[in-house]
């Protein structure tokens, strides 16, 4: 593959954690299989306050568990060296695995795909230093060990394990 081929080049899409919060794949508290947390849609109400604090619903397609989150405290996961939980129900994320350096986790498949494409690329174009918000993107906030080329294979193997966990559900 040539150095300038599209597969080896990646440009930061300027996504933040907030862009990946609908849906969030979690471990169901009832059956311990994959469930999802999504924005609760109420057809009788006009959506107000959509976004981070919008009402959420936990739904498990396997056992039928359903819970509502109507608001309150939201806790976004910040520690790449500990297992991750979802911001609403504090349940373990489904898309996560441990490596010798720390945890690789994602809120959903889109989040995992952005991380995979970033790690896989040999040429990574960040946001210019003078641009506002450049330190707030999900990729700029990845731990240093995930950004190092010497750990690329290990991180990609971890992502492959996460994808394989979806096939077992």
N, C-alpha and C. Protein backbone atom coordinates (compact mmCIF):
# COMPACT_ATOMS: atom_id res chain seq x y z
N UNK A 1 0.85 -1.17 0.00
CA UNK A 1 0.00 0.00 0.00
C UNK A 1 0.90 1.24 0.00
N UNK A 2 0.66 2.17 -0.86
CA UNK A 2 1.48 3.36 -0.93
C UNK A 2 1.15 4.30 0.24
N UNK A 3 2.10 5.14 0.67
CA UNK A 3 1.87 6.00 1.82
C UNK A 3 0.72 6.98 1.65
N UNK A 4 0.39 7.35 0.42
CA UNK A 4 -0.68 8.32 0.21
C UNK A 4 -2.00 7.69 -0.19
N UNK A 5 -2.10 6.37 -0.10
CA UNK A 5 -3.36 5.72 -0.44
C UNK A 5 -4.40 6.07 0.62
N UNK A 6 -5.68 6.10 0.26
CA UNK A 6 -6.72 6.50 1.19
C UNK A 6 -6.78 5.63 2.45
N UNK A 7 -6.44 4.34 2.35
CA UNK A 7 -6.54 3.45 3.50
C UNK A 7 -5.47 3.75 4.54
N UNK A 8 -4.34 4.33 4.15
CA UNK A 8 -3.27 4.59 5.11
C UNK A 8 -3.28 6.03 5.61
N UNK A 9 -4.22 6.84 5.14
CA UNK A 9 -4.32 8.25 5.53
C UNK A 9 -5.61 8.47 6.29
N UNK A 10 -5.53 9.21 7.39
CA UNK A 10 -6.72 9.46 8.20
C UNK A 10 -6.74 10.92 8.63
N UNK A 11 -7.87 11.57 8.45
CA UNK A 11 -8.05 12.95 8.89
C UNK A 11 -9.07 12.97 10.02
N UNK A 12 -8.73 13.64 11.10
CA UNK A 12 -9.60 13.71 12.28
C UNK A 12 -10.95 14.31 11.89
N UNK A 13 -12.07 13.57 12.12
CA UNK A 13 -13.39 14.09 11.75
C UNK A 13 -13.96 15.08 12.76
N UNK A 14 -13.20 15.42 13.79
CA UNK A 14 -13.60 16.39 14.82
C UNK A 14 -14.78 15.90 15.67
N UNK A 15 -14.89 14.60 15.82
CA UNK A 15 -15.96 14.03 16.64
C UNK A 15 -15.56 14.07 18.11
N UNK A 16 -16.56 14.28 18.96
CA UNK A 16 -16.34 14.24 20.40
C UNK A 16 -17.10 13.05 20.98
N UNK A 17 -16.90 12.77 22.26
CA UNK A 17 -17.62 11.67 22.90
C UNK A 17 -19.13 11.86 22.77
N UNK A 18 -19.59 13.09 22.79
CA UNK A 18 -21.02 13.39 22.74
C UNK A 18 -21.65 12.92 21.42
N UNK A 19 -20.84 12.83 20.38
CA UNK A 19 -21.35 12.39 19.08
C UNK A 19 -21.66 10.90 19.03
N UNK A 20 -21.20 10.14 20.03
CA UNK A 20 -21.35 8.69 20.00
C UNK A 20 -22.26 8.17 21.11
N UNK A 21 -23.09 9.00 21.69
CA UNK A 21 -23.91 8.58 22.83
C UNK A 21 -25.29 8.06 22.46
N UNK A 22 -25.59 7.90 21.19
CA UNK A 22 -26.90 7.36 20.81
C UNK A 22 -26.74 6.44 19.62
N UNK A 23 -26.82 5.16 19.78
CA UNK A 23 -27.00 4.39 21.02
C UNK A 23 -25.67 4.04 21.67
N UNK A 24 -25.74 3.56 22.91
CA UNK A 24 -24.58 3.04 23.63
C UNK A 24 -24.83 1.55 23.87
N UNK A 25 -23.88 0.70 23.49
CA UNK A 25 -24.01 -0.74 23.71
C UNK A 25 -23.47 -1.08 25.09
N UNK A 26 -24.31 -1.75 25.90
CA UNK A 26 -23.96 -2.08 27.28
C UNK A 26 -24.20 -3.55 27.56
N UNK A 27 -23.72 -4.00 28.70
CA UNK A 27 -23.97 -5.36 29.17
C UNK A 27 -25.28 -5.33 29.95
N UNK A 28 -26.25 -6.12 29.54
CA UNK A 28 -27.57 -6.14 30.16
C UNK A 28 -27.46 -6.60 31.62
N UNK A 29 -28.10 -5.88 32.55
CA UNK A 29 -28.06 -6.30 33.95
C UNK A 29 -28.87 -7.56 34.21
N UNK A 30 -29.80 -7.92 33.30
CA UNK A 30 -30.63 -9.10 33.49
C UNK A 30 -30.00 -10.38 32.98
N UNK A 31 -29.49 -10.36 31.75
CA UNK A 31 -28.98 -11.59 31.13
C UNK A 31 -27.50 -11.53 30.79
N UNK A 32 -26.86 -10.38 30.99
CA UNK A 32 -25.44 -10.17 30.71
C UNK A 32 -25.08 -10.36 29.24
N UNK A 33 -26.05 -10.08 28.36
CA UNK A 33 -25.79 -10.05 26.92
C UNK A 33 -25.84 -8.60 26.46
N UNK A 34 -25.63 -8.37 25.18
CA UNK A 34 -25.59 -7.01 24.66
C UNK A 34 -26.97 -6.36 24.67
N UNK A 35 -27.04 -5.17 25.24
CA UNK A 35 -28.25 -4.35 25.25
C UNK A 35 -27.85 -2.97 24.76
N UNK A 36 -28.82 -2.09 24.55
CA UNK A 36 -28.46 -0.75 24.11
C UNK A 36 -29.25 0.31 24.88
N UNK A 37 -28.58 1.44 25.04
CA UNK A 37 -29.17 2.62 25.67
C UNK A 37 -29.35 3.63 24.56
N UNK A 38 -30.59 4.09 24.39
CA UNK A 38 -30.89 5.02 23.30
C UNK A 38 -31.75 6.15 23.82
N UNK A 39 -31.86 7.20 23.04
CA UNK A 39 -32.73 8.32 23.40
C UNK A 39 -34.17 7.85 23.39
N UNK A 40 -34.89 8.13 24.49
CA UNK A 40 -36.29 7.74 24.59
C UNK A 40 -37.12 8.69 23.73
N UNK A 41 -37.91 8.15 22.88
CA UNK A 41 -38.76 8.95 21.99
C UNK A 41 -40.19 8.92 22.52
N UNK A 42 -40.73 10.09 22.76
CA UNK A 42 -42.10 10.19 23.23
C UNK A 42 -42.90 10.90 22.14
N UNK A 43 -43.80 10.19 21.45
CA UNK A 43 -44.52 10.80 20.33
C UNK A 43 -45.47 11.92 20.76
N UNK A 44 -45.86 11.96 22.05
CA UNK A 44 -46.79 12.99 22.52
C UNK A 44 -46.09 14.29 22.89
N UNK A 45 -44.77 14.24 23.06
CA UNK A 45 -44.04 15.44 23.46
C UNK A 45 -43.15 15.94 22.35
N UNK A 46 -43.04 17.24 22.28
CA UNK A 46 -42.08 17.84 21.35
C UNK A 46 -40.71 17.69 21.99
N UNK A 47 -39.72 17.19 21.26
CA UNK A 47 -38.41 17.01 21.88
C UNK A 47 -37.81 18.34 22.31
N UNK A 48 -37.52 18.44 23.60
CA UNK A 48 -36.83 19.60 24.14
C UNK A 48 -35.51 19.11 24.68
N UNK A 49 -34.56 19.78 24.89
CA UNK A 49 -33.33 19.34 25.52
C UNK A 49 -32.75 18.05 24.97
N UNK A 50 -32.87 17.82 23.67
CA UNK A 50 -32.22 16.65 23.09
C UNK A 50 -30.73 16.79 23.28
N UNK A 51 -30.04 15.71 23.29
CA UNK A 51 -28.60 15.75 23.48
C UNK A 51 -28.21 14.95 24.70
N UNK A 52 -27.24 15.43 25.40
CA UNK A 52 -26.64 14.72 26.52
C UNK A 52 -27.64 14.40 27.62
N UNK A 53 -28.56 15.31 27.93
CA UNK A 53 -29.48 15.11 29.05
C UNK A 53 -30.89 14.70 28.62
N UNK A 54 -31.05 14.29 27.39
CA UNK A 54 -32.36 13.80 26.93
C UNK A 54 -32.69 12.50 27.66
N UNK A 55 -33.97 12.23 27.88
CA UNK A 55 -34.35 10.95 28.52
C UNK A 55 -33.83 9.77 27.72
N UNK A 56 -33.40 8.73 28.42
CA UNK A 56 -32.82 7.55 27.78
C UNK A 56 -33.58 6.30 28.20
N UNK A 57 -33.47 5.29 27.37
CA UNK A 57 -34.12 4.00 27.63
C UNK A 57 -33.11 2.88 27.40
N UNK A 58 -33.03 1.98 28.36
CA UNK A 58 -32.22 0.76 28.23
C UNK A 58 -33.13 -0.33 27.72
N UNK A 59 -32.73 -0.99 26.63
CA UNK A 59 -33.53 -2.06 26.05
C UNK A 59 -32.61 -3.24 25.75
N UNK A 60 -33.03 -4.42 26.20
CA UNK A 60 -32.30 -5.65 25.90
C UNK A 60 -33.16 -6.50 24.97
N UNK A 61 -32.71 -6.76 23.75
CA UNK A 61 -33.50 -7.59 22.84
C UNK A 61 -33.48 -9.08 23.21
N UNK A 62 -32.58 -9.48 24.08
CA UNK A 62 -32.46 -10.89 24.47
C UNK A 62 -33.45 -11.29 25.56
N UNK A 63 -33.49 -10.53 26.66
CA UNK A 63 -34.35 -10.91 27.78
C UNK A 63 -35.53 -9.96 27.99
N UNK A 64 -35.56 -8.85 27.25
CA UNK A 64 -36.68 -7.93 27.36
C UNK A 64 -36.55 -6.89 28.46
N UNK A 65 -35.41 -6.82 29.12
CA UNK A 65 -35.21 -5.82 30.16
C UNK A 65 -35.36 -4.42 29.56
N UNK A 66 -36.08 -3.58 30.28
CA UNK A 66 -36.28 -2.20 29.84
C UNK A 66 -36.27 -1.29 31.06
N UNK A 67 -35.48 -0.24 31.01
CA UNK A 67 -35.40 0.73 32.10
C UNK A 67 -35.41 2.12 31.50
N UNK A 68 -35.91 3.07 32.28
CA UNK A 68 -35.96 4.46 31.85
C UNK A 68 -34.98 5.30 32.68
N UNK A 69 -34.35 6.26 32.04
CA UNK A 69 -33.52 7.25 32.72
C UNK A 69 -34.11 8.60 32.37
N UNK A 70 -34.60 9.29 33.37
CA UNK A 70 -35.30 10.55 33.11
C UNK A 70 -34.47 11.79 33.30
N UNK A 71 -33.27 11.66 33.70
CA UNK A 71 -32.41 12.83 33.91
C UNK A 71 -31.59 12.66 35.16
N UNK A 72 -30.81 13.65 35.43
CA UNK A 72 -29.96 13.58 36.60
C UNK A 72 -28.50 13.63 36.21
N UNK A 73 -27.70 12.93 36.96
CA UNK A 73 -26.25 12.94 36.79
C UNK A 73 -25.83 12.11 35.57
N UNK A 74 -24.93 12.68 34.77
CA UNK A 74 -24.34 11.97 33.64
C UNK A 74 -22.85 11.91 33.90
N UNK A 75 -22.28 10.73 33.78
CA UNK A 75 -20.87 10.54 34.07
C UNK A 75 -20.17 9.92 32.86
N UNK A 76 -19.49 10.76 32.07
CA UNK A 76 -18.75 10.27 30.91
C UNK A 76 -17.45 9.63 31.38
N UNK A 77 -17.14 8.48 30.81
CA UNK A 77 -15.95 7.73 31.23
C UNK A 77 -14.69 8.45 30.79
N UNK A 78 -13.71 8.57 31.69
CA UNK A 78 -12.50 9.30 31.38
C UNK A 78 -11.24 8.47 31.51
N UNK A 79 -11.29 7.35 32.20
CA UNK A 79 -10.09 6.60 32.53
C UNK A 79 -9.88 5.45 31.55
N UNK A 80 -8.82 5.51 30.74
CA UNK A 80 -8.51 4.46 29.77
C UNK A 80 -7.85 3.28 30.45
N UNK A 81 -7.62 3.36 31.76
CA UNK A 81 -6.94 2.29 32.49
C UNK A 81 -7.89 1.54 33.41
N UNK A 82 -9.17 1.70 33.21
CA UNK A 82 -10.19 1.00 34.00
C UNK A 82 -11.35 0.64 33.07
N UNK A 83 -12.14 -0.39 33.44
CA UNK A 83 -13.29 -0.75 32.61
C UNK A 83 -14.25 0.43 32.49
N UNK A 84 -14.85 0.57 31.32
CA UNK A 84 -15.73 1.71 31.03
C UNK A 84 -17.18 1.36 31.33
N UNK A 85 -17.95 2.40 31.70
CA UNK A 85 -19.38 2.25 31.94
C UNK A 85 -20.13 3.29 31.12
N UNK A 86 -21.43 3.05 30.92
CA UNK A 86 -22.21 4.02 30.16
C UNK A 86 -22.55 5.22 31.06
N UNK A 87 -22.79 6.38 30.48
CA UNK A 87 -22.99 7.59 31.27
C UNK A 87 -24.33 7.67 31.99
N UNK A 88 -25.29 6.84 31.66
CA UNK A 88 -26.64 6.99 32.19
C UNK A 88 -26.98 5.96 33.25
N UNK A 89 -26.79 4.69 32.97
CA UNK A 89 -27.16 3.63 33.90
C UNK A 89 -25.96 3.05 34.64
N UNK A 90 -24.77 3.53 34.32
CA UNK A 90 -23.53 3.07 34.93
C UNK A 90 -23.31 1.56 34.74
N UNK A 91 -23.73 1.05 33.59
CA UNK A 91 -23.55 -0.37 33.26
C UNK A 91 -22.27 -0.52 32.45
N UNK A 92 -21.59 -1.68 32.55
CA UNK A 92 -20.37 -1.88 31.76
C UNK A 92 -20.66 -1.81 30.26
N UNK A 93 -19.76 -1.18 29.53
CA UNK A 93 -19.91 -1.13 28.07
C UNK A 93 -19.67 -2.52 27.49
N UNK A 94 -20.39 -2.83 26.43
CA UNK A 94 -20.22 -4.11 25.75
C UNK A 94 -18.95 -4.10 24.91
N UNK A 95 -18.67 -2.99 24.30
CA UNK A 95 -17.53 -2.87 23.37
C UNK A 95 -16.27 -2.45 24.13
N UNK A 96 -15.69 -3.38 24.86
CA UNK A 96 -14.45 -3.08 25.56
C UNK A 96 -13.66 -4.35 25.81
N UNK A 97 -12.36 -4.18 25.89
CA UNK A 97 -11.46 -5.29 26.23
C UNK A 97 -10.19 -4.69 26.82
N UNK A 98 -9.51 -5.51 27.59
CA UNK A 98 -8.28 -5.05 28.25
C UNK A 98 -7.06 -5.49 27.46
N UNK A 99 -6.05 -4.62 27.42
CA UNK A 99 -4.76 -4.94 26.84
C UNK A 99 -3.72 -4.78 27.94
N UNK A 100 -2.48 -5.06 27.64
CA UNK A 100 -1.44 -4.92 28.67
C UNK A 100 -1.16 -3.46 29.01
N UNK A 101 -1.58 -2.54 28.15
CA UNK A 101 -1.38 -1.11 28.39
C UNK A 101 -2.57 -0.44 29.05
N UNK A 102 -3.75 -0.95 28.83
CA UNK A 102 -4.97 -0.35 29.35
C UNK A 102 -6.17 -0.89 28.60
N UNK A 103 -7.29 -0.25 28.76
CA UNK A 103 -8.55 -0.69 28.15
C UNK A 103 -8.79 -0.01 26.82
N UNK A 104 -9.31 -0.77 25.87
CA UNK A 104 -9.81 -0.24 24.60
C UNK A 104 -11.32 -0.35 24.70
N UNK A 105 -12.02 0.76 24.57
CA UNK A 105 -13.47 0.74 24.69
C UNK A 105 -14.09 1.75 23.73
N UNK A 106 -15.38 1.53 23.45
CA UNK A 106 -16.13 2.44 22.59
C UNK A 106 -17.59 2.39 23.00
N UNK A 107 -18.29 3.49 22.80
CA UNK A 107 -19.71 3.55 23.13
C UNK A 107 -20.56 2.77 22.14
N UNK A 108 -20.20 2.83 20.86
CA UNK A 108 -20.96 2.10 19.84
C UNK A 108 -20.04 1.74 18.67
N UNK A 109 -20.59 1.11 17.66
CA UNK A 109 -19.76 0.65 16.53
C UNK A 109 -19.16 1.81 15.73
N UNK A 110 -19.86 2.92 15.63
CA UNK A 110 -19.31 4.08 14.92
C UNK A 110 -18.08 4.62 15.66
N UNK A 111 -18.16 4.69 16.98
CA UNK A 111 -17.05 5.13 17.81
C UNK A 111 -15.86 4.18 17.63
N UNK A 112 -16.13 2.88 17.68
CA UNK A 112 -15.07 1.89 17.51
C UNK A 112 -14.43 1.98 16.12
N UNK A 113 -15.25 2.24 15.11
CA UNK A 113 -14.73 2.35 13.75
C UNK A 113 -13.81 3.56 13.59
N UNK A 114 -14.15 4.67 14.20
CA UNK A 114 -13.29 5.86 14.13
C UNK A 114 -11.94 5.56 14.79
N UNK A 115 -11.98 4.90 15.94
CA UNK A 115 -10.73 4.55 16.62
C UNK A 115 -9.91 3.58 15.76
N UNK A 116 -10.57 2.58 15.18
CA UNK A 116 -9.87 1.60 14.36
C UNK A 116 -9.21 2.27 13.15
N UNK A 117 -9.95 3.13 12.44
CA UNK A 117 -9.38 3.79 11.26
C UNK A 117 -8.20 4.69 11.63
N UNK A 118 -8.29 5.35 12.79
CA UNK A 118 -7.20 6.20 13.26
C UNK A 118 -5.96 5.37 13.57
N UNK A 119 -6.13 4.31 14.34
CA UNK A 119 -5.00 3.47 14.74
C UNK A 119 -4.37 2.80 13.53
N UNK A 120 -5.18 2.36 12.60
CA UNK A 120 -4.72 1.63 11.41
C UNK A 120 -3.92 2.50 10.45
N UNK A 121 -4.20 3.78 10.42
CA UNK A 121 -3.58 4.68 9.45
C UNK A 121 -2.12 4.95 9.77
N UNK A 122 -1.30 4.98 8.74
CA UNK A 122 0.11 5.32 8.94
C UNK A 122 0.33 6.84 8.89
N UNK A 123 -0.59 7.56 8.24
CA UNK A 123 -0.53 9.01 8.20
C UNK A 123 -1.80 9.55 8.86
N UNK A 124 -1.63 10.22 9.98
CA UNK A 124 -2.78 10.73 10.75
C UNK A 124 -2.73 12.25 10.75
N UNK A 125 -3.76 12.85 10.16
CA UNK A 125 -3.82 14.30 10.10
C UNK A 125 -4.71 14.80 11.22
N UNK A 126 -4.13 15.55 12.12
CA UNK A 126 -4.89 16.12 13.22
C UNK A 126 -5.47 17.46 12.84
N UNK A 127 -6.02 18.12 13.82
CA UNK A 127 -6.58 19.45 13.62
C UNK A 127 -5.45 20.46 13.83
N UNK A 128 -5.36 21.51 13.03
CA UNK A 128 -4.28 22.49 13.18
C UNK A 128 -4.21 23.04 14.61
N UNK A 129 -3.01 23.36 15.05
CA UNK A 129 -2.80 23.82 16.42
C UNK A 129 -3.57 25.08 16.76
N UNK A 130 -3.86 25.91 15.78
CA UNK A 130 -4.53 27.18 16.02
C UNK A 130 -6.06 27.07 16.01
N UNK A 131 -6.58 25.90 15.69
CA UNK A 131 -8.03 25.71 15.59
C UNK A 131 -8.65 25.50 16.97
N UNK A 132 -9.82 26.10 17.19
CA UNK A 132 -10.52 25.93 18.46
C UNK A 132 -11.01 24.50 18.62
N UNK A 133 -10.94 23.97 19.81
CA UNK A 133 -11.49 22.67 20.12
C UNK A 133 -10.65 21.50 19.68
N UNK A 134 -9.40 21.73 19.27
CA UNK A 134 -8.60 20.62 18.76
C UNK A 134 -8.27 19.59 19.82
N UNK A 135 -8.25 19.97 21.08
CA UNK A 135 -7.94 19.03 22.15
C UNK A 135 -9.18 18.30 22.66
N UNK A 136 -10.34 18.64 22.15
CA UNK A 136 -11.58 18.05 22.64
C UNK A 136 -12.08 16.90 21.78
N UNK A 137 -11.44 16.61 20.67
CA UNK A 137 -11.93 15.52 19.82
C UNK A 137 -11.63 14.19 20.49
N UNK A 138 -12.41 13.19 20.15
CA UNK A 138 -12.25 11.88 20.75
C UNK A 138 -10.87 11.29 20.41
N UNK A 139 -10.34 11.60 19.27
CA UNK A 139 -9.03 11.07 18.87
C UNK A 139 -7.89 11.81 19.56
N UNK A 140 -8.03 13.10 19.76
CA UNK A 140 -6.99 13.87 20.45
C UNK A 140 -6.89 13.45 21.91
N UNK A 141 -7.96 12.87 22.44
CA UNK A 141 -7.97 12.48 23.84
C UNK A 141 -7.66 10.99 24.06
N UNK A 142 -7.30 10.28 23.00
CA UNK A 142 -6.87 8.89 23.17
C UNK A 142 -5.57 8.87 23.96
N UNK A 143 -5.37 7.83 24.77
CA UNK A 143 -4.10 7.77 25.52
C UNK A 143 -2.91 7.61 24.57
N UNK A 144 -1.76 8.04 25.04
CA UNK A 144 -0.55 8.02 24.20
C UNK A 144 -0.22 6.61 23.72
N UNK A 145 -0.42 5.60 24.56
CA UNK A 145 -0.06 4.23 24.14
C UNK A 145 -0.90 3.77 22.96
N UNK A 146 -2.15 4.27 22.82
CA UNK A 146 -2.97 3.89 21.67
C UNK A 146 -2.54 4.61 20.40
N UNK A 147 -1.87 5.73 20.54
CA UNK A 147 -1.45 6.52 19.39
C UNK A 147 -0.08 6.12 18.86
N UNK A 148 0.66 5.35 19.63
CA UNK A 148 2.01 4.98 19.22
C UNK A 148 1.98 3.85 18.19
N UNK A 149 2.80 3.99 17.16
CA UNK A 149 2.84 3.01 16.07
C UNK A 149 3.28 1.64 16.58
N UNK A 150 4.12 1.60 17.61
CA UNK A 150 4.60 0.31 18.10
C UNK A 150 3.49 -0.52 18.75
N UNK A 151 2.39 0.11 19.14
CA UNK A 151 1.27 -0.60 19.75
C UNK A 151 0.11 -0.82 18.77
N UNK A 152 0.30 -0.44 17.51
CA UNK A 152 -0.77 -0.51 16.52
C UNK A 152 -1.36 -1.93 16.41
N UNK A 153 -0.51 -2.93 16.29
CA UNK A 153 -1.01 -4.31 16.13
C UNK A 153 -1.80 -4.77 17.35
N UNK A 154 -1.32 -4.42 18.53
CA UNK A 154 -2.02 -4.82 19.75
C UNK A 154 -3.39 -4.17 19.84
N UNK A 155 -3.49 -2.89 19.52
CA UNK A 155 -4.77 -2.19 19.58
C UNK A 155 -5.72 -2.75 18.52
N UNK A 156 -5.23 -3.04 17.33
CA UNK A 156 -6.08 -3.60 16.28
C UNK A 156 -6.56 -5.01 16.64
N UNK A 157 -5.71 -5.79 17.32
CA UNK A 157 -6.16 -7.11 17.80
C UNK A 157 -7.25 -6.96 18.85
N UNK A 158 -7.10 -5.98 19.72
CA UNK A 158 -8.13 -5.72 20.74
C UNK A 158 -9.45 -5.33 20.09
N UNK A 159 -9.39 -4.51 19.07
CA UNK A 159 -10.61 -4.10 18.35
C UNK A 159 -11.23 -5.30 17.66
N UNK A 160 -10.41 -6.19 17.12
CA UNK A 160 -10.93 -7.42 16.50
C UNK A 160 -11.62 -8.30 17.55
N UNK A 161 -11.08 -8.37 18.77
CA UNK A 161 -11.73 -9.13 19.86
C UNK A 161 -13.08 -8.52 20.21
N UNK A 162 -13.14 -7.19 20.21
CA UNK A 162 -14.40 -6.52 20.51
C UNK A 162 -15.43 -6.85 19.44
N UNK A 163 -15.04 -6.81 18.16
CA UNK A 163 -15.96 -7.17 17.08
C UNK A 163 -16.42 -8.61 17.22
N UNK A 164 -15.52 -9.51 17.60
CA UNK A 164 -15.87 -10.91 17.77
C UNK A 164 -16.87 -11.09 18.91
N UNK A 165 -16.83 -10.24 19.92
CA UNK A 165 -17.79 -10.35 21.03
C UNK A 165 -19.22 -10.08 20.55
N UNK A 166 -19.38 -9.29 19.50
CA UNK A 166 -20.72 -9.05 18.96
C UNK A 166 -21.28 -10.28 18.27
N UNK A 167 -20.41 -11.08 17.69
CA UNK A 167 -20.86 -12.29 17.01
C UNK A 167 -21.31 -13.36 17.99
N UNK A 168 -20.82 -13.29 19.23
CA UNK A 168 -21.19 -14.29 20.23
C UNK A 168 -22.52 -14.00 20.90
N UNK A 169 -23.11 -12.85 20.65
CA UNK A 169 -24.37 -12.49 21.32
C UNK A 169 -25.56 -13.11 20.63
